N, C-alpha and C. Protein backbone atom coordinates (compact mmCIF):
# COMPACT_ATOMS: atom_id res chain seq x y z
N MET A 1 0.84 -1.18 0.00
CA MET A 1 0.00 0.00 0.00
C MET A 1 0.88 1.24 0.00
N ASP A 2 0.72 2.17 -0.97
CA ASP A 2 1.58 3.34 -0.98
C ASP A 2 1.01 4.41 -0.06
N ASP A 3 1.84 5.45 0.18
CA ASP A 3 1.45 6.48 1.13
C ASP A 3 0.20 7.21 0.69
N ARG A 4 0.06 7.44 -0.63
CA ARG A 4 -1.08 8.18 -1.13
C ARG A 4 -2.38 7.43 -0.89
N SER A 5 -2.42 6.13 -1.20
CA SER A 5 -3.64 5.36 -1.00
C SER A 5 -3.95 5.21 0.47
N ALA A 6 -2.93 5.06 1.30
CA ALA A 6 -3.15 4.94 2.73
C ALA A 6 -3.74 6.21 3.29
N ALA A 7 -3.27 7.36 2.80
CA ALA A 7 -3.76 8.63 3.33
C ALA A 7 -5.20 8.88 2.96
N SER A 8 -5.68 8.26 1.88
CA SER A 8 -7.04 8.50 1.43
C SER A 8 -8.06 7.67 2.17
N ARG A 9 -7.62 6.75 3.03
CA ARG A 9 -8.53 5.86 3.73
C ARG A 9 -8.66 6.26 5.20
N PRO A 10 -9.82 5.97 5.80
CA PRO A 10 -9.97 6.29 7.22
C PRO A 10 -8.91 5.59 8.05
N ARG A 11 -8.28 6.31 8.96
CA ARG A 11 -7.21 5.73 9.76
C ARG A 11 -7.78 5.25 11.09
N ARG A 12 -8.37 4.10 11.09
CA ARG A 12 -8.94 3.51 12.28
C ARG A 12 -8.41 2.09 12.41
N GLY A 13 -7.97 1.72 13.61
CA GLY A 13 -7.57 0.35 13.84
C GLY A 13 -6.26 0.00 13.17
N PRO A 14 -5.90 -1.28 13.23
CA PRO A 14 -4.62 -1.73 12.69
C PRO A 14 -4.61 -1.73 11.17
N HIS A 15 -3.46 -2.07 10.64
CA HIS A 15 -3.27 -2.12 9.19
C HIS A 15 -4.34 -2.99 8.54
N ARG A 16 -4.90 -2.51 7.45
CA ARG A 16 -5.96 -3.24 6.76
C ARG A 16 -5.41 -4.28 5.80
N ASP A 17 -6.09 -5.40 5.74
CA ASP A 17 -5.78 -6.39 4.72
C ASP A 17 -6.40 -5.91 3.41
N PRO A 18 -5.61 -5.74 2.35
CA PRO A 18 -6.15 -5.18 1.11
C PRO A 18 -7.30 -5.99 0.53
N GLU A 19 -7.25 -7.30 0.62
CA GLU A 19 -8.33 -8.11 0.05
C GLU A 19 -9.61 -7.94 0.85
N ALA A 20 -9.49 -7.89 2.18
CA ALA A 20 -10.68 -7.69 3.01
C ALA A 20 -11.25 -6.30 2.79
N HIS A 21 -10.37 -5.32 2.67
CA HIS A 21 -10.81 -3.95 2.42
C HIS A 21 -11.60 -3.87 1.11
N ALA A 22 -11.07 -4.49 0.06
CA ALA A 22 -11.76 -4.49 -1.23
C ALA A 22 -13.08 -5.25 -1.15
N ALA A 23 -13.11 -6.34 -0.38
CA ALA A 23 -14.34 -7.12 -0.24
C ALA A 23 -15.42 -6.33 0.45
N VAL A 24 -15.04 -5.54 1.47
CA VAL A 24 -16.02 -4.73 2.19
C VAL A 24 -16.62 -3.68 1.26
N LEU A 25 -15.78 -3.01 0.49
CA LEU A 25 -16.29 -1.97 -0.40
C LEU A 25 -17.17 -2.56 -1.50
N ALA A 26 -16.77 -3.71 -2.03
CA ALA A 26 -17.59 -4.36 -3.06
C ALA A 26 -18.93 -4.80 -2.48
N ALA A 27 -18.91 -5.37 -1.28
CA ALA A 27 -20.14 -5.79 -0.62
C ALA A 27 -21.05 -4.60 -0.36
N THR A 28 -20.46 -3.49 0.02
CA THR A 28 -21.24 -2.28 0.29
C THR A 28 -21.95 -1.80 -0.96
N ARG A 29 -21.24 -1.77 -2.08
CA ARG A 29 -21.87 -1.33 -3.33
C ARG A 29 -23.00 -2.27 -3.73
N GLU A 30 -22.80 -3.56 -3.56
CA GLU A 30 -23.85 -4.53 -3.89
C GLU A 30 -25.08 -4.32 -3.03
N LEU A 31 -24.88 -4.13 -1.73
CA LEU A 31 -26.01 -3.98 -0.81
C LEU A 31 -26.77 -2.69 -1.06
N VAL A 32 -26.05 -1.62 -1.35
CA VAL A 32 -26.73 -0.36 -1.65
C VAL A 32 -27.60 -0.52 -2.89
N ALA A 33 -27.08 -1.21 -3.90
CA ALA A 33 -27.84 -1.43 -5.13
C ALA A 33 -29.08 -2.28 -4.87
N GLU A 34 -28.97 -3.24 -3.96
CA GLU A 34 -30.08 -4.15 -3.68
C GLU A 34 -31.10 -3.57 -2.70
N LEU A 35 -30.61 -2.89 -1.67
CA LEU A 35 -31.48 -2.52 -0.54
C LEU A 35 -31.69 -1.02 -0.39
N GLY A 36 -30.91 -0.21 -1.10
CA GLY A 36 -30.97 1.22 -0.87
C GLY A 36 -30.18 1.59 0.38
N TYR A 37 -29.97 2.88 0.54
CA TYR A 37 -29.13 3.34 1.64
C TYR A 37 -29.66 2.89 3.01
N LYS A 38 -30.94 3.05 3.23
CA LYS A 38 -31.51 2.76 4.55
C LYS A 38 -31.46 1.28 4.89
N GLY A 39 -31.44 0.42 3.88
CA GLY A 39 -31.43 -1.01 4.15
C GLY A 39 -30.06 -1.59 4.46
N VAL A 40 -29.03 -0.81 4.26
CA VAL A 40 -27.67 -1.30 4.50
C VAL A 40 -27.33 -1.12 5.98
N THR A 41 -26.74 -2.16 6.58
CA THR A 41 -26.26 -2.09 7.96
C THR A 41 -24.82 -2.59 8.00
N MET A 42 -24.14 -2.26 9.07
CA MET A 42 -22.76 -2.74 9.24
C MET A 42 -22.74 -4.26 9.31
N ASP A 43 -23.73 -4.87 9.96
CA ASP A 43 -23.80 -6.32 10.05
C ASP A 43 -23.93 -6.95 8.66
N ARG A 44 -24.79 -6.37 7.84
CA ARG A 44 -24.99 -6.91 6.50
C ARG A 44 -23.73 -6.75 5.66
N ILE A 45 -23.06 -5.63 5.81
CA ILE A 45 -21.82 -5.43 5.08
C ILE A 45 -20.79 -6.48 5.47
N ALA A 46 -20.63 -6.70 6.78
CA ALA A 46 -19.65 -7.68 7.25
C ALA A 46 -19.99 -9.08 6.76
N SER A 47 -21.29 -9.42 6.84
CA SER A 47 -21.70 -10.76 6.42
C SER A 47 -21.47 -10.96 4.93
N ARG A 48 -21.84 -10.00 4.11
CA ARG A 48 -21.66 -10.13 2.67
C ARG A 48 -20.18 -10.18 2.30
N ALA A 49 -19.36 -9.41 3.01
CA ALA A 49 -17.93 -9.37 2.69
C ALA A 49 -17.18 -10.56 3.26
N GLY A 50 -17.80 -11.30 4.20
CA GLY A 50 -17.13 -12.44 4.80
C GLY A 50 -16.06 -12.05 5.80
N VAL A 51 -16.29 -10.93 6.49
CA VAL A 51 -15.34 -10.49 7.52
C VAL A 51 -16.10 -10.31 8.83
N ALA A 52 -15.36 -10.21 9.93
CA ALA A 52 -15.98 -10.02 11.23
C ALA A 52 -16.58 -8.62 11.34
N ARG A 53 -17.68 -8.52 12.05
CA ARG A 53 -18.34 -7.23 12.24
C ARG A 53 -17.39 -6.21 12.85
N MET A 54 -16.62 -6.63 13.84
CA MET A 54 -15.71 -5.71 14.51
C MET A 54 -14.58 -5.26 13.59
N THR A 55 -14.27 -6.08 12.59
CA THR A 55 -13.26 -5.66 11.62
C THR A 55 -13.76 -4.43 10.87
N VAL A 56 -15.01 -4.45 10.46
CA VAL A 56 -15.57 -3.31 9.75
C VAL A 56 -15.59 -2.08 10.65
N TYR A 57 -15.98 -2.25 11.91
CA TYR A 57 -16.04 -1.12 12.84
C TYR A 57 -14.65 -0.57 13.17
N ARG A 58 -13.63 -1.41 13.12
CA ARG A 58 -12.28 -0.91 13.36
C ARG A 58 -11.83 0.02 12.24
N TRP A 59 -12.34 -0.24 11.02
CA TRP A 59 -11.88 0.51 9.86
C TRP A 59 -12.77 1.71 9.54
N TRP A 60 -14.05 1.64 9.87
CA TRP A 60 -14.98 2.74 9.60
C TRP A 60 -15.87 2.93 10.83
N PRO A 61 -16.24 4.16 11.18
CA PRO A 61 -17.06 4.39 12.37
C PRO A 61 -18.52 4.02 12.18
N ASN A 62 -19.03 4.06 10.94
CA ASN A 62 -20.44 3.80 10.69
C ASN A 62 -20.65 3.50 9.20
N LYS A 63 -21.88 3.13 8.85
CA LYS A 63 -22.13 2.75 7.47
C LYS A 63 -22.00 3.93 6.51
N ALA A 64 -22.27 5.15 7.00
CA ALA A 64 -22.13 6.32 6.13
C ALA A 64 -20.69 6.45 5.65
N ALA A 65 -19.74 6.19 6.54
CA ALA A 65 -18.33 6.29 6.15
C ALA A 65 -17.96 5.21 5.15
N VAL A 66 -18.49 3.99 5.35
CA VAL A 66 -18.19 2.90 4.42
C VAL A 66 -18.76 3.23 3.04
N ILE A 67 -20.02 3.66 3.01
CA ILE A 67 -20.68 3.92 1.74
C ILE A 67 -20.00 5.08 1.01
N THR A 68 -19.62 6.11 1.76
CA THR A 68 -18.94 7.24 1.13
C THR A 68 -17.68 6.79 0.41
N GLU A 69 -16.88 5.94 1.07
CA GLU A 69 -15.66 5.46 0.44
C GLU A 69 -15.97 4.52 -0.72
N ALA A 70 -17.02 3.71 -0.57
CA ALA A 70 -17.34 2.72 -1.59
C ALA A 70 -17.75 3.36 -2.92
N VAL A 71 -18.39 4.53 -2.85
CA VAL A 71 -18.88 5.16 -4.08
C VAL A 71 -18.07 6.39 -4.48
N ALA A 72 -17.00 6.69 -3.75
CA ALA A 72 -16.26 7.93 -3.97
C ALA A 72 -15.79 8.10 -5.41
N ASP A 73 -15.30 7.02 -6.02
CA ASP A 73 -14.75 7.15 -7.37
C ASP A 73 -15.83 7.42 -8.40
N ARG A 74 -17.10 7.21 -8.03
CA ARG A 74 -18.19 7.44 -8.97
C ARG A 74 -18.78 8.85 -8.84
N LEU A 75 -18.30 9.61 -7.87
CA LEU A 75 -18.86 10.93 -7.62
C LEU A 75 -18.11 12.06 -8.32
N ALA A 76 -16.90 11.80 -8.76
CA ALA A 76 -16.09 12.87 -9.34
C ALA A 76 -16.70 13.35 -10.66
N PRO A 77 -16.67 14.65 -10.90
CA PRO A 77 -17.21 15.17 -12.17
C PRO A 77 -16.30 14.85 -13.33
N GLY A 78 -16.88 14.72 -14.49
CA GLY A 78 -16.09 14.56 -15.70
C GLY A 78 -15.72 15.92 -16.27
N PRO A 79 -15.02 15.94 -17.39
CA PRO A 79 -14.68 17.22 -18.02
C PRO A 79 -15.93 17.92 -18.54
N ALA A 80 -15.81 19.21 -18.76
CA ALA A 80 -16.94 19.97 -19.31
C ALA A 80 -17.29 19.45 -20.69
N PRO A 81 -18.57 19.17 -20.96
CA PRO A 81 -18.96 18.76 -22.32
C PRO A 81 -18.57 19.84 -23.32
N ASP A 82 -18.19 19.43 -24.49
CA ASP A 82 -17.73 20.40 -25.50
C ASP A 82 -18.12 19.90 -26.88
N THR A 83 -19.42 19.98 -27.19
CA THR A 83 -19.91 19.57 -28.50
C THR A 83 -19.86 20.70 -29.51
N GLY A 84 -19.62 21.93 -29.03
CA GLY A 84 -19.69 23.10 -29.89
C GLY A 84 -21.03 23.81 -29.80
N ASP A 85 -22.00 23.18 -29.13
CA ASP A 85 -23.34 23.76 -28.94
C ASP A 85 -23.57 23.91 -27.45
N VAL A 86 -23.64 25.13 -26.95
CA VAL A 86 -23.73 25.35 -25.52
C VAL A 86 -24.97 24.72 -24.91
N ARG A 87 -26.05 24.67 -25.64
CA ARG A 87 -27.28 24.10 -25.10
C ARG A 87 -27.21 22.57 -25.02
N GLU A 88 -26.58 21.97 -26.00
CA GLU A 88 -26.36 20.53 -25.93
C GLU A 88 -25.39 20.20 -24.80
N ASP A 89 -24.34 21.02 -24.66
CA ASP A 89 -23.40 20.82 -23.57
C ASP A 89 -24.09 20.94 -22.21
N ALA A 90 -24.96 21.92 -22.07
CA ALA A 90 -25.68 22.12 -20.81
C ALA A 90 -26.55 20.90 -20.49
N LEU A 91 -27.21 20.36 -21.50
CA LEU A 91 -28.06 19.20 -21.28
C LEU A 91 -27.23 18.00 -20.84
N LEU A 92 -26.09 17.79 -21.48
CA LEU A 92 -25.22 16.68 -21.10
C LEU A 92 -24.73 16.83 -19.66
N TRP A 93 -24.35 18.05 -19.29
CA TRP A 93 -23.88 18.29 -17.92
C TRP A 93 -24.99 18.04 -16.90
N LEU A 94 -26.18 18.51 -17.19
CA LEU A 94 -27.31 18.31 -16.27
C LEU A 94 -27.61 16.82 -16.10
N ARG A 95 -27.57 16.08 -17.18
CA ARG A 95 -27.79 14.64 -17.08
C ARG A 95 -26.75 13.99 -16.17
N ASN A 96 -25.51 14.42 -16.30
CA ASN A 96 -24.45 13.85 -15.47
C ASN A 96 -24.65 14.18 -14.00
N LEU A 97 -25.06 15.40 -13.70
CA LEU A 97 -25.31 15.77 -12.30
C LEU A 97 -26.44 14.93 -11.71
N VAL A 98 -27.50 14.74 -12.48
CA VAL A 98 -28.60 13.90 -12.00
C VAL A 98 -28.13 12.48 -11.75
N ARG A 99 -27.32 11.93 -12.65
CA ARG A 99 -26.80 10.58 -12.46
C ARG A 99 -25.97 10.49 -11.19
N THR A 100 -25.18 11.52 -10.93
CA THR A 100 -24.33 11.51 -9.74
C THR A 100 -25.16 11.51 -8.47
N LEU A 101 -26.18 12.36 -8.42
CA LEU A 101 -26.98 12.47 -7.20
C LEU A 101 -28.00 11.35 -7.04
N THR A 102 -28.20 10.56 -8.09
CA THR A 102 -29.08 9.40 -7.99
C THR A 102 -28.26 8.13 -8.19
N LEU A 103 -27.04 8.16 -7.69
CA LEU A 103 -26.13 7.03 -7.85
C LEU A 103 -26.78 5.74 -7.38
N LEU A 104 -26.66 4.69 -8.18
CA LEU A 104 -27.27 3.39 -7.89
C LEU A 104 -28.78 3.48 -7.78
N GLY A 105 -29.37 4.52 -8.41
CA GLY A 105 -30.82 4.61 -8.50
C GLY A 105 -31.52 5.17 -7.29
N ASP A 106 -30.79 5.64 -6.30
CA ASP A 106 -31.42 6.10 -5.06
C ASP A 106 -30.78 7.41 -4.62
N PRO A 107 -31.55 8.53 -4.64
CA PRO A 107 -30.96 9.80 -4.25
C PRO A 107 -30.52 9.85 -2.80
N SER A 108 -31.00 8.94 -1.97
CA SER A 108 -30.59 8.95 -0.56
C SER A 108 -29.20 8.39 -0.36
N VAL A 109 -28.65 7.69 -1.34
CA VAL A 109 -27.33 7.07 -1.17
C VAL A 109 -26.26 8.13 -0.99
N VAL A 110 -26.14 9.03 -1.95
CA VAL A 110 -25.10 10.03 -1.89
C VAL A 110 -25.33 11.01 -0.75
N THR A 111 -26.50 11.62 -0.71
CA THR A 111 -26.75 12.64 0.30
C THR A 111 -26.82 12.06 1.70
N GLY A 112 -27.40 10.87 1.82
CA GLY A 112 -27.48 10.25 3.14
C GLY A 112 -26.11 9.89 3.67
N ALA A 113 -25.28 9.30 2.82
CA ALA A 113 -23.95 8.90 3.25
C ALA A 113 -23.11 10.09 3.65
N LEU A 114 -23.29 11.21 2.95
CA LEU A 114 -22.49 12.38 3.26
C LEU A 114 -23.02 13.13 4.48
N THR A 115 -24.31 13.42 4.51
CA THR A 115 -24.85 14.25 5.59
C THR A 115 -24.88 13.53 6.93
N GLU A 116 -25.01 12.21 6.93
CA GLU A 116 -25.03 11.50 8.21
C GLU A 116 -23.65 11.46 8.87
N ARG A 117 -22.63 11.90 8.17
CA ARG A 117 -21.31 12.00 8.76
C ARG A 117 -21.12 13.34 9.46
N GLY A 118 -22.19 14.12 9.58
CA GLY A 118 -22.10 15.38 10.30
C GLY A 118 -21.48 16.47 9.45
N GLU A 119 -20.81 17.41 10.11
CA GLU A 119 -20.27 18.57 9.41
C GLU A 119 -19.26 18.16 8.35
N ALA A 120 -18.46 17.13 8.63
CA ALA A 120 -17.48 16.69 7.64
C ALA A 120 -18.18 16.20 6.38
N GLY A 121 -19.28 15.48 6.56
CA GLY A 121 -20.02 14.99 5.40
C GLY A 121 -20.70 16.12 4.64
N ARG A 122 -21.26 17.08 5.38
CA ARG A 122 -21.88 18.22 4.71
C ARG A 122 -20.84 19.03 3.93
N ALA A 123 -19.65 19.14 4.50
CA ALA A 123 -18.58 19.83 3.78
C ALA A 123 -18.21 19.07 2.51
N ASP A 124 -18.20 17.74 2.60
CA ASP A 124 -17.91 16.93 1.41
C ASP A 124 -18.98 17.13 0.34
N LEU A 125 -20.25 17.23 0.78
CA LEU A 125 -21.34 17.45 -0.18
C LEU A 125 -21.18 18.81 -0.85
N ARG A 126 -20.83 19.83 -0.07
CA ARG A 126 -20.60 21.15 -0.67
C ARG A 126 -19.45 21.09 -1.67
N ASP A 127 -18.38 20.37 -1.31
CA ASP A 127 -17.24 20.26 -2.21
C ASP A 127 -17.62 19.51 -3.48
N LEU A 128 -18.46 18.48 -3.32
CA LEU A 128 -18.91 17.71 -4.48
C LEU A 128 -19.68 18.59 -5.45
N LEU A 129 -20.62 19.38 -4.92
CA LEU A 129 -21.42 20.23 -5.78
C LEU A 129 -20.57 21.33 -6.41
N LYS A 130 -19.61 21.85 -5.66
CA LYS A 130 -18.71 22.87 -6.21
C LYS A 130 -17.88 22.28 -7.35
N ALA A 131 -17.39 21.05 -7.16
CA ALA A 131 -16.59 20.41 -8.20
C ALA A 131 -17.40 20.20 -9.46
N HIS A 132 -18.67 19.83 -9.31
CA HIS A 132 -19.51 19.63 -10.49
C HIS A 132 -19.91 20.95 -11.13
N SER A 133 -19.90 22.04 -10.36
CA SER A 133 -20.27 23.33 -10.91
C SER A 133 -19.20 23.90 -11.83
N GLU A 134 -17.96 23.55 -11.58
CA GLU A 134 -16.86 24.13 -12.37
C GLU A 134 -16.95 23.78 -13.85
N PRO A 135 -17.23 22.52 -14.23
CA PRO A 135 -17.40 22.24 -15.67
C PRO A 135 -18.59 22.98 -16.27
N ALA A 136 -19.64 23.20 -15.47
CA ALA A 136 -20.80 23.93 -15.98
C ALA A 136 -20.43 25.37 -16.27
N SER A 137 -19.67 25.99 -15.37
CA SER A 137 -19.23 27.36 -15.61
C SER A 137 -18.37 27.45 -16.87
N LEU A 138 -17.51 26.45 -17.05
CA LEU A 138 -16.64 26.44 -18.23
C LEU A 138 -17.44 26.30 -19.51
N LEU A 139 -18.41 25.43 -19.54
CA LEU A 139 -19.16 25.24 -20.78
C LEU A 139 -19.97 26.50 -21.12
N LEU A 140 -20.43 27.22 -20.09
CA LEU A 140 -21.15 28.47 -20.35
C LEU A 140 -20.20 29.55 -20.86
N ARG A 141 -19.00 29.62 -20.27
CA ARG A 141 -18.02 30.59 -20.78
C ARG A 141 -17.66 30.29 -22.23
N ASN A 142 -17.55 29.00 -22.54
CA ASN A 142 -17.30 28.61 -23.93
C ASN A 142 -18.45 29.06 -24.82
N GLY A 143 -19.66 28.94 -24.30
CA GLY A 143 -20.83 29.37 -25.07
C GLY A 143 -20.81 30.86 -25.36
N VAL A 144 -20.39 31.65 -24.38
CA VAL A 144 -20.28 33.09 -24.60
C VAL A 144 -19.21 33.38 -25.64
N ALA A 145 -18.05 32.73 -25.49
CA ALA A 145 -16.93 32.97 -26.42
C ALA A 145 -17.29 32.61 -27.85
N ARG A 146 -18.15 31.63 -28.03
CA ARG A 146 -18.52 31.19 -29.38
C ARG A 146 -19.75 31.91 -29.91
N GLY A 147 -20.31 32.81 -29.13
CA GLY A 147 -21.46 33.57 -29.60
C GLY A 147 -22.79 32.89 -29.36
N GLY A 148 -22.80 31.80 -28.61
CA GLY A 148 -24.05 31.11 -28.34
C GLY A 148 -24.84 31.70 -27.19
N LEU A 149 -24.19 32.55 -26.39
CA LEU A 149 -24.83 33.23 -25.28
C LEU A 149 -24.38 34.68 -25.28
N PRO A 150 -25.20 35.59 -24.77
CA PRO A 150 -24.80 36.99 -24.71
C PRO A 150 -23.66 37.22 -23.73
N GLN A 151 -22.88 38.26 -23.97
CA GLN A 151 -21.73 38.57 -23.13
C GLN A 151 -22.13 38.84 -21.69
N ASP A 152 -23.32 39.38 -21.48
CA ASP A 152 -23.74 39.74 -20.12
C ASP A 152 -24.57 38.66 -19.45
N ALA A 153 -24.55 37.45 -19.97
CA ALA A 153 -25.32 36.37 -19.35
C ALA A 153 -24.82 36.12 -17.92
N PRO A 154 -25.72 35.98 -16.95
CA PRO A 154 -25.31 35.76 -15.55
C PRO A 154 -24.90 34.32 -15.32
N LEU A 155 -23.68 33.98 -15.69
CA LEU A 155 -23.25 32.58 -15.75
C LEU A 155 -23.29 31.89 -14.39
N GLU A 156 -22.75 32.53 -13.36
CA GLU A 156 -22.72 31.87 -12.05
C GLU A 156 -24.13 31.68 -11.50
N ALA A 157 -25.01 32.65 -11.74
CA ALA A 157 -26.39 32.50 -11.28
C ALA A 157 -27.08 31.36 -12.01
N ILE A 158 -26.76 31.19 -13.29
CA ILE A 158 -27.34 30.08 -14.05
C ILE A 158 -26.89 28.74 -13.47
N VAL A 159 -25.59 28.61 -13.22
CA VAL A 159 -25.08 27.36 -12.65
C VAL A 159 -25.70 27.09 -11.29
N ASP A 160 -25.77 28.10 -10.44
CA ASP A 160 -26.37 27.92 -9.12
C ASP A 160 -27.83 27.49 -9.23
N SER A 161 -28.55 28.06 -10.19
CA SER A 161 -29.95 27.68 -10.35
C SER A 161 -30.09 26.24 -10.82
N TRP A 162 -29.20 25.80 -11.69
CA TRP A 162 -29.22 24.41 -12.14
C TRP A 162 -28.96 23.45 -10.98
N VAL A 163 -27.88 23.73 -10.22
CA VAL A 163 -27.55 22.87 -9.09
C VAL A 163 -28.68 22.86 -8.08
N GLY A 164 -29.20 24.04 -7.77
CA GLY A 164 -30.29 24.13 -6.80
C GLY A 164 -31.52 23.34 -7.23
N TYR A 165 -31.87 23.43 -8.51
CA TYR A 165 -33.03 22.70 -9.03
C TYR A 165 -32.84 21.20 -8.88
N VAL A 166 -31.69 20.71 -9.32
CA VAL A 166 -31.45 19.27 -9.28
C VAL A 166 -31.40 18.76 -7.84
N VAL A 167 -30.70 19.49 -6.96
CA VAL A 167 -30.63 19.06 -5.56
C VAL A 167 -32.01 19.09 -4.91
N TYR A 168 -32.76 20.14 -5.15
CA TYR A 168 -34.10 20.24 -4.55
C TYR A 168 -35.00 19.10 -4.99
N ARG A 169 -35.02 18.83 -6.29
CA ARG A 169 -35.91 17.78 -6.80
C ARG A 169 -35.48 16.40 -6.34
N THR A 170 -34.19 16.09 -6.43
CA THR A 170 -33.73 14.73 -6.12
C THR A 170 -33.58 14.49 -4.63
N VAL A 171 -32.99 15.45 -3.92
CA VAL A 171 -32.65 15.23 -2.51
C VAL A 171 -33.82 15.53 -1.59
N PHE A 172 -34.43 16.70 -1.75
CA PHE A 172 -35.46 17.12 -0.81
C PHE A 172 -36.85 16.60 -1.16
N LEU A 173 -37.16 16.50 -2.44
CA LEU A 173 -38.47 15.99 -2.84
C LEU A 173 -38.44 14.52 -3.20
N GLY A 174 -37.26 13.97 -3.47
CA GLY A 174 -37.16 12.57 -3.85
C GLY A 174 -37.83 12.26 -5.17
N GLN A 175 -37.87 13.23 -6.06
CA GLN A 175 -38.54 13.07 -7.34
C GLN A 175 -37.56 12.70 -8.44
N GLU A 176 -38.06 11.97 -9.39
CA GLU A 176 -37.26 11.65 -10.57
C GLU A 176 -37.29 12.83 -11.52
N ILE A 177 -36.14 13.18 -12.05
CA ILE A 177 -36.05 14.28 -13.01
C ILE A 177 -35.97 13.68 -14.41
N ALA A 178 -36.95 13.99 -15.22
CA ALA A 178 -37.00 13.47 -16.59
C ALA A 178 -36.19 14.36 -17.52
N ASP A 179 -35.86 13.81 -18.68
CA ASP A 179 -35.11 14.59 -19.66
C ASP A 179 -35.88 15.84 -20.07
N ALA A 180 -37.20 15.74 -20.11
CA ALA A 180 -38.01 16.91 -20.48
C ALA A 180 -37.82 18.04 -19.48
N ASP A 181 -37.66 17.69 -18.20
CA ASP A 181 -37.41 18.72 -17.18
C ASP A 181 -36.09 19.42 -17.43
N LEU A 182 -35.07 18.63 -17.78
CA LEU A 182 -33.76 19.22 -18.05
C LEU A 182 -33.79 20.08 -19.31
N LEU A 183 -34.54 19.66 -20.29
CA LEU A 183 -34.68 20.47 -21.51
C LEU A 183 -35.33 21.81 -21.19
N ASP A 184 -36.30 21.80 -20.28
CA ASP A 184 -36.93 23.06 -19.88
C ASP A 184 -35.92 24.00 -19.24
N LEU A 185 -35.02 23.45 -18.42
CA LEU A 185 -33.97 24.27 -17.82
C LEU A 185 -33.07 24.89 -18.90
N VAL A 186 -32.69 24.07 -19.86
CA VAL A 186 -31.79 24.55 -20.91
C VAL A 186 -32.48 25.64 -21.73
N ARG A 187 -33.77 25.51 -21.94
CA ARG A 187 -34.49 26.51 -22.75
C ARG A 187 -34.57 27.86 -22.04
N LEU A 188 -34.29 27.89 -20.76
CA LEU A 188 -34.27 29.15 -20.02
C LEU A 188 -32.98 29.95 -20.25
N LEU A 189 -32.00 29.33 -20.89
CA LEU A 189 -30.78 30.07 -21.21
C LEU A 189 -31.11 31.26 -22.11
N PRO A 190 -30.46 32.39 -21.88
CA PRO A 190 -30.72 33.54 -22.74
C PRO A 190 -30.32 33.24 -24.18
N PRO A 191 -31.06 33.77 -25.14
CA PRO A 191 -30.75 33.47 -26.54
C PRO A 191 -29.42 34.08 -26.98
N ALA A 192 -28.90 33.51 -28.05
CA ALA A 192 -27.66 34.04 -28.62
C ALA A 192 -27.89 35.47 -29.11
N PRO A 193 -26.87 36.30 -29.11
CA PRO A 193 -27.02 37.66 -29.61
C PRO A 193 -27.61 37.68 -31.03
N GLY A 194 -28.64 38.46 -31.20
CA GLY A 194 -29.27 38.56 -32.52
C GLY A 194 -30.32 37.52 -32.79
N ALA A 195 -30.46 36.53 -31.86
CA ALA A 195 -31.47 35.48 -32.06
C ALA A 195 -32.74 35.85 -31.31
N SER A 196 -33.87 35.42 -31.86
CA SER A 196 -35.14 35.71 -31.21
C SER A 196 -35.47 34.71 -30.12
N GLY A 197 -34.80 33.56 -30.12
CA GLY A 197 -35.05 32.53 -29.12
C GLY A 197 -34.09 31.40 -29.33
N ALA A 198 -34.03 30.49 -28.38
CA ALA A 198 -33.12 29.35 -28.50
C ALA A 198 -33.72 28.19 -27.79
N GLY A 199 -33.39 27.00 -28.25
CA GLY A 199 -33.88 25.81 -27.58
C GLY A 199 -32.89 24.69 -27.76
N ALA A 200 -32.99 23.70 -26.89
CA ALA A 200 -32.13 22.52 -27.01
C ALA A 200 -32.84 21.48 -27.83
N GLY A 201 -32.13 20.84 -28.69
CA GLY A 201 -32.78 19.83 -29.48
C GLY A 201 -31.95 18.62 -29.62
């Protein structure tokens, strides 16, 4: 185990066996997919992974910490979409944000795992949303540079409104966001200079 990978893992208990560690994370992902966030317990994780319950507790304080680590690599944002069409790029980015917040089909997985860890988890959620906002800001700036959006478009307010909409619908209301909903958001973008209107298609 190199220093970088060791530093990225919770430092609880003695040195971890790499195979057991991988088994716990794999079992966690399987259980979340089968049972949803609320159905996962430390006992079930240990049983599925074939390790002792206390082994799991030595390495993680609670299921939120296990789940956060198990899905961490799936939460990182990708690069800003760059199709040459700012509205198509916006739609692609919105779809990716929805996929991230409904990881494994359940919006409670990501937000539950993060917020149940207290302030540290809430800080991680803020960092996650900020990281996903950066590609959105870039694609909008590209849209302005290419003439697809007016120079005075309120780019940061647009990104904040997109993030707020997706978080509100998925996290607080537990609603599924359809592609038609995302298209409606994209259609709210200000039209290109000289255009009477714009839409995503």
